[in-house]
């Protein structure tokens, strides 16, 4: 196993990340008041999501 990323892996990951960020925040955040917040207890990390509709 070479343990490396090819350039298309990086491009696909960036496109997937940017696309999902747009889909899950922009249209829905304005219409449904989407709120995302990081949460930590010191030993654990999580994400709090709130959607008002």
PDB file of N, CA and C in Angstrom:
ATOM      1  N   UNK A   1       0.844  -1.184   0.000  1.00  0.00           N
ATOM      2  CA  UNK A   1       0.000   0.000   0.000  1.00  0.00           C
ATOM      3  C   UNK A   1       0.885   1.242   0.000  1.00  0.00           C
ATOM      4  N   UNK A   2       0.586   2.193  -0.884  1.00  0.00           N
ATOM      5  CA  UNK A   2       1.454   3.351  -1.053  1.00  0.00           C
ATOM      6  C   UNK A   2       1.140   4.504  -0.113  1.00  0.00           C
ATOM      7  N   UNK A   3      -0.063   4.539   0.448  1.00  0.00           N
ATOM      8  CA  UNK A   3      -0.461   5.596   1.393  1.00  0.00           C
ATOM      9  C   UNK A   3      -0.254   6.989   0.815  1.00  0.00           C
ATOM     10  N   UNK A   4      -0.807   7.227  -0.373  1.00  0.00           N
ATOM     11  CA  UNK A   4      -0.723   8.553  -0.973  1.00  0.00           C
ATOM     12  C   UNK A   4      -2.039   8.863  -1.681  1.00  0.00           C
ATOM     13  N   UNK A   5      -2.268  10.131  -1.926  1.00  0.00           N
ATOM     14  CA  UNK A   5      -3.450  10.580  -2.651  1.00  0.00           C
ATOM     15  C   UNK A   5      -3.038  11.000  -4.047  1.00  0.00           C
ATOM     16  N   UNK A   6      -3.810  10.588  -5.021  1.00  0.00           N
ATOM     17  CA  UNK A   6      -3.616  11.089  -6.371  1.00  0.00           C
ATOM     18  C   UNK A   6      -4.346  12.419  -6.502  1.00  0.00           C
ATOM     19  N   UNK A   7      -4.031  13.175  -7.536  1.00  0.00           N
ATOM     20  CA  UNK A   7      -4.613  14.514  -7.666  1.00  0.00           C
ATOM     21  C   UNK A   7      -6.134  14.447  -7.800  1.00  0.00           C
ATOM     22  N   UNK A   8      -6.664  13.401  -8.447  1.00  0.00           N
ATOM     23  CA  UNK A   8      -8.115  13.322  -8.609  1.00  0.00           C
ATOM     24  C   UNK A   8      -8.813  12.971  -7.295  1.00  0.00           C
ATOM     25  N   UNK A   9      -8.122  12.314  -6.390  1.00  0.00           N
ATOM     26  CA  UNK A   9      -8.687  12.074  -5.058  1.00  0.00           C
ATOM     27  C   UNK A   9      -8.897  13.393  -4.323  1.00  0.00           C
ATOM     28  N   UNK A  10      -7.920  14.270  -4.426  1.00  0.00           N
ATOM     29  CA  UNK A  10      -7.994  15.570  -3.762  1.00  0.00           C
ATOM     30  C   UNK A  10      -9.077  16.432  -4.402  1.00  0.00           C
ATOM     31  N   UNK A  11      -9.147  16.446  -5.732  1.00  0.00           N
ATOM     32  CA  UNK A  11     -10.164  17.237  -6.432  1.00  0.00           C
ATOM     33  C   UNK A  11     -11.564  16.710  -6.124  1.00  0.00           C
ATOM     34  N   UNK A  12     -11.733  15.395  -6.127  1.00  0.00           N
ATOM     35  CA  UNK A  12     -13.045  14.814  -5.822  1.00  0.00           C
ATOM     36  C   UNK A  12     -13.453  15.106  -4.381  1.00  0.00           C
ATOM     37  N   UNK A  13     -12.517  15.012  -3.445  1.00  0.00           N
ATOM     38  CA  UNK A  13     -12.821  15.320  -2.048  1.00  0.00           C
ATOM     39  C   UNK A  13     -13.191  16.780  -1.853  1.00  0.00           C
ATOM     40  N   UNK A  14     -12.474  17.672  -2.537  1.00  0.00           N
ATOM     41  CA  UNK A  14     -12.789  19.100  -2.436  1.00  0.00           C
ATOM     42  C   UNK A  14     -14.154  19.402  -3.043  1.00  0.00           C
ATOM     43  N   UNK A  15     -14.464  18.795  -4.167  1.00  0.00           N
ATOM     44  CA  UNK A  15     -15.764  19.014  -4.805  1.00  0.00           C
ATOM     45  C   UNK A  15     -16.897  18.468  -3.938  1.00  0.00           C
ATOM     46  N   UNK A  16     -16.684  17.299  -3.368  1.00  0.00           N
ATOM     47  CA  UNK A  16     -17.694  16.711  -2.488  1.00  0.00           C
ATOM     48  C   UNK A  16     -17.915  17.578  -1.253  1.00  0.00           C
ATOM     49  N   UNK A  17     -16.841  18.055  -0.664  1.00  0.00           N
ATOM     50  CA  UNK A  17     -16.954  18.912   0.513  1.00  0.00           C
ATOM     51  C   UNK A  17     -17.631  20.236   0.214  1.00  0.00           C
ATOM     52  N   UNK A  18     -17.230  20.887  -0.872  1.00  0.00           N
ATOM     53  CA  UNK A  18     -17.837  22.176  -1.238  1.00  0.00           C
ATOM     54  C   UNK A  18     -19.295  22.003  -1.631  1.00  0.00           C
ATOM     55  N   UNK A  19     -19.585  20.947  -2.373  1.00  0.00           N
ATOM     56  CA  UNK A  19     -20.974  20.704  -2.784  1.00  0.00           C
ATOM     57  C   UNK A  19     -21.884  20.402  -1.620  1.00  0.00           C
ATOM     58  N   UNK A  20     -21.439  19.553  -0.711  1.00  0.00           N
ATOM     59  CA  UNK A  20     -22.286  19.232   0.440  1.00  0.00           C
ATOM     60  C   UNK A  20     -22.428  20.420   1.379  1.00  0.00           C
ATOM     61  N   UNK A  21     -21.388  21.226   1.503  1.00  0.00           N
ATOM     62  CA  UNK A  21     -21.497  22.432   2.327  1.00  0.00           C
ATOM     63  C   UNK A  21     -22.543  23.385   1.752  1.00  0.00           C
ATOM     64  N   UNK A  22     -22.564  23.542   0.449  1.00  0.00           N
ATOM     65  CA  UNK A  22     -23.562  24.411  -0.179  1.00  0.00           C
ATOM     66  C   UNK A  22     -24.964  23.839  -0.029  1.00  0.00           C
ATOM     67  N   UNK A  23     -25.115  22.557  -0.313  1.00  0.00           N
ATOM     68  CA  UNK A  23     -26.438  21.929  -0.271  1.00  0.00           C
ATOM     69  C   UNK A  23     -27.023  21.953   1.140  1.00  0.00           C
ATOM     70  N   UNK A  24     -26.199  21.662   2.145  1.00  0.00           N
ATOM     71  CA  UNK A  24     -26.726  21.545   3.498  1.00  0.00           C
ATOM     72  C   UNK A  24     -26.747  22.838   4.285  1.00  0.00           C
ATOM     73  N   UNK A  25     -26.179  23.910   3.764  1.00  0.00           N
ATOM     74  CA  UNK A  25     -26.205  25.157   4.530  1.00  0.00           C
ATOM     75  C   UNK A  25     -26.889  26.302   3.806  1.00  0.00           C
ATOM     76  N   UNK A  26     -26.519  26.622   2.607  1.00  0.00           N
ATOM     77  CA  UNK A  26     -27.045  27.814   1.945  1.00  0.00           C
ATOM     78  C   UNK A  26     -28.552  27.814   1.719  1.00  0.00           C
ATOM     79  N   UNK A  27     -29.087  26.934   0.908  1.00  0.00           N
ATOM     80  CA  UNK A  27     -30.528  27.004   0.640  1.00  0.00           C
ATOM     81  C   UNK A  27     -31.372  26.739   1.883  1.00  0.00           C
ATOM     82  N   UNK A  28     -30.957  25.782   2.684  1.00  0.00           N
ATOM     83  CA  UNK A  28     -31.753  25.400   3.843  1.00  0.00           C
ATOM     84  C   UNK A  28     -31.581  26.353   5.010  1.00  0.00           C
ATOM     85  N   UNK A  29     -30.399  26.924   5.158  1.00  0.00           N
ATOM     86  CA  UNK A  29     -30.149  27.820   6.283  1.00  0.00           C
ATOM     87  C   UNK A  29     -31.039  29.051   6.201  1.00  0.00           C
ATOM     88  N   UNK A  30     -31.222  29.594   5.019  1.00  0.00           N
ATOM     89  CA  UNK A  30     -32.059  30.787   4.875  1.00  0.00           C
ATOM     90  C   UNK A  30     -33.538  30.454   5.034  1.00  0.00           C
ATOM     91  N   UNK A  31     -33.972  29.358   4.467  1.00  0.00           N
ATOM     92  CA  UNK A  31     -35.391  29.002   4.489  1.00  0.00           C
ATOM     93  C   UNK A  31     -35.826  28.408   5.818  1.00  0.00           C
ATOM     94  N   UNK A  32     -35.025  27.517   6.384  1.00  0.00           N
ATOM     95  CA  UNK A  32     -35.438  26.765   7.558  1.00  0.00           C
ATOM     96  C   UNK A  32     -34.668  27.098   8.830  1.00  0.00           C
ATOM     97  N   UNK A  33     -33.856  28.125   8.811  1.00  0.00           N
ATOM     98  CA  UNK A  33     -33.083  28.543   9.985  1.00  0.00           C
ATOM     99  C   UNK A  33     -32.230  27.387  10.536  1.00  0.00           C
ATOM    100  N   UNK A  34     -31.318  26.921   9.705  1.00  0.00           N
ATOM    101  CA  UNK A  34     -30.400  25.853  10.093  1.00  0.00           C
ATOM    102  C   UNK A  34     -29.274  26.426  10.925  1.00  0.00           C
ATOM    103  N   UNK A  35     -28.961  25.771  12.029  1.00  0.00           N
ATOM    104  CA  UNK A  35     -27.880  26.187  12.906  1.00  0.00           C
ATOM    105  C   UNK A  35     -26.988  24.986  13.207  1.00  0.00           C
ATOM    106  N   UNK A  36     -25.682  25.125  12.959  1.00  0.00           N
ATOM    107  CA  UNK A  36     -24.708  24.079  13.257  1.00  0.00           C
ATOM    108  C   UNK A  36     -23.698  24.637  14.240  1.00  0.00           C
ATOM    109  N   UNK A  37     -23.425  23.886  15.309  1.00  0.00           N
ATOM    110  CA  UNK A  37     -22.486  24.341  16.337  1.00  0.00           C
ATOM    111  C   UNK A  37     -21.622  23.184  16.812  1.00  0.00           C
ATOM    112  N   UNK A  38     -20.328  23.427  16.997  1.00  0.00           N
ATOM    113  CA  UNK A  38     -19.487  22.375  17.572  1.00  0.00           C
ATOM    114  C   UNK A  38     -19.754  22.233  19.067  1.00  0.00           C
ATOM    115  N   UNK A  39     -19.650  21.001  19.573  1.00  0.00           N
ATOM    116  CA  UNK A  39     -19.889  20.716  20.984  1.00  0.00           C
ATOM    117  C   UNK A  39     -18.731  19.872  21.498  1.00  0.00           C
ATOM    118  N   UNK A  40     -18.253  20.172  22.707  1.00  0.00           N
ATOM    119  CA  UNK A  40     -17.195  19.369  23.300  1.00  0.00           C
ATOM    120  C   UNK A  40     -17.423  19.216  24.796  1.00  0.00           C
ATOM    121  N   UNK A  41     -17.036  18.062  25.323  1.00  0.00           N
ATOM    122  CA  UNK A  41     -17.120  17.815  26.757  1.00  0.00           C
ATOM    123  C   UNK A  41     -15.731  17.751  27.375  1.00  0.00           C
ATOM    124  N   UNK A  42     -14.724  17.983  26.576  1.00  0.00           N
ATOM    125  CA  UNK A  42     -13.354  17.863  27.035  1.00  0.00           C
ATOM    126  C   UNK A  42     -12.711  16.590  26.536  1.00  0.00           C
ATOM    127  N   UNK A  43     -13.478  15.495  26.552  1.00  0.00           N
ATOM    128  CA  UNK A  43     -12.975  14.217  26.048  1.00  0.00           C
ATOM    129  C   UNK A  43     -13.643  13.808  24.743  1.00  0.00           C
ATOM    130  N   UNK A  44     -14.807  14.386  24.469  1.00  0.00           N
ATOM    131  CA  UNK A  44     -15.558  14.038  23.273  1.00  0.00           C
ATOM    132  C   UNK A  44     -15.848  15.291  22.463  1.00  0.00           C
ATOM    133  N   UNK A  45     -15.978  15.107  21.158  1.00  0.00           N
ATOM    134  CA  UNK A  45     -16.283  16.213  20.258  1.00  0.00           C
ATOM    135  C   UNK A  45     -17.484  15.807  19.421  1.00  0.00           C
ATOM    136  N   UNK A  46     -18.375  16.767  19.182  1.00  0.00           N
ATOM    137  CA  UNK A  46     -19.554  16.461  18.389  1.00  0.00           C
ATOM    138  C   UNK A  46     -20.048  17.682  17.648  1.00  0.00           C
ATOM    139  N   UNK A  47     -21.177  17.521  16.969  1.00  0.00           N
ATOM    140  CA  UNK A  47     -21.780  18.598  16.205  1.00  0.00           C
ATOM    141  C   UNK A  47     -23.252  18.673  16.557  1.00  0.00           C
ATOM    142  N   UNK A  48     -23.707  19.853  16.951  1.00  0.00           N
ATOM    143  CA  UNK A  48     -25.112  20.094  17.271  1.00  0.00           C
ATOM    144  C   UNK A  48     -25.768  20.723  16.060  1.00  0.00           C
ATOM    145  N   UNK A  49     -26.871  20.159  15.609  1.00  0.00           N
ATOM    146  CA  UNK A  49     -27.610  20.701  14.474  1.00  0.00           C
ATOM    147  C   UNK A  49     -29.028  21.002  14.913  1.00  0.00           C
ATOM    148  N   UNK A  50     -29.519  22.180  14.540  1.00  0.00           N
ATOM    149  CA  UNK A  50     -30.876  22.580  14.864  1.00  0.00           C
ATOM    150  C   UNK A  50     -31.537  23.099  13.593  1.00  0.00           C
ATOM    151  N   UNK A  51     -32.750  22.632  13.322  1.00  0.00           N
ATOM    152  CA  UNK A  51     -33.479  23.031  12.125  1.00  0.00           C
ATOM    153  C   UNK A  51     -34.885  23.428  12.528  1.00  0.00           C
ATOM    154  N   UNK A  52     -35.276  24.662  12.241  1.00  0.00           N
ATOM    155  CA  UNK A  52     -36.612  25.149  12.543  1.00  0.00           C
ATOM    156  C   UNK A  52     -37.401  25.213  11.244  1.00  0.00           C
ATOM    157  N   UNK A  53     -38.548  24.547  11.212  1.00  0.00           N
ATOM    158  CA  UNK A  53     -39.376  24.570  10.008  1.00  0.00           C
ATOM    159  C   UNK A  53     -40.831  24.684  10.355  1.00  0.00           C
TER     160      UNK A  53
END
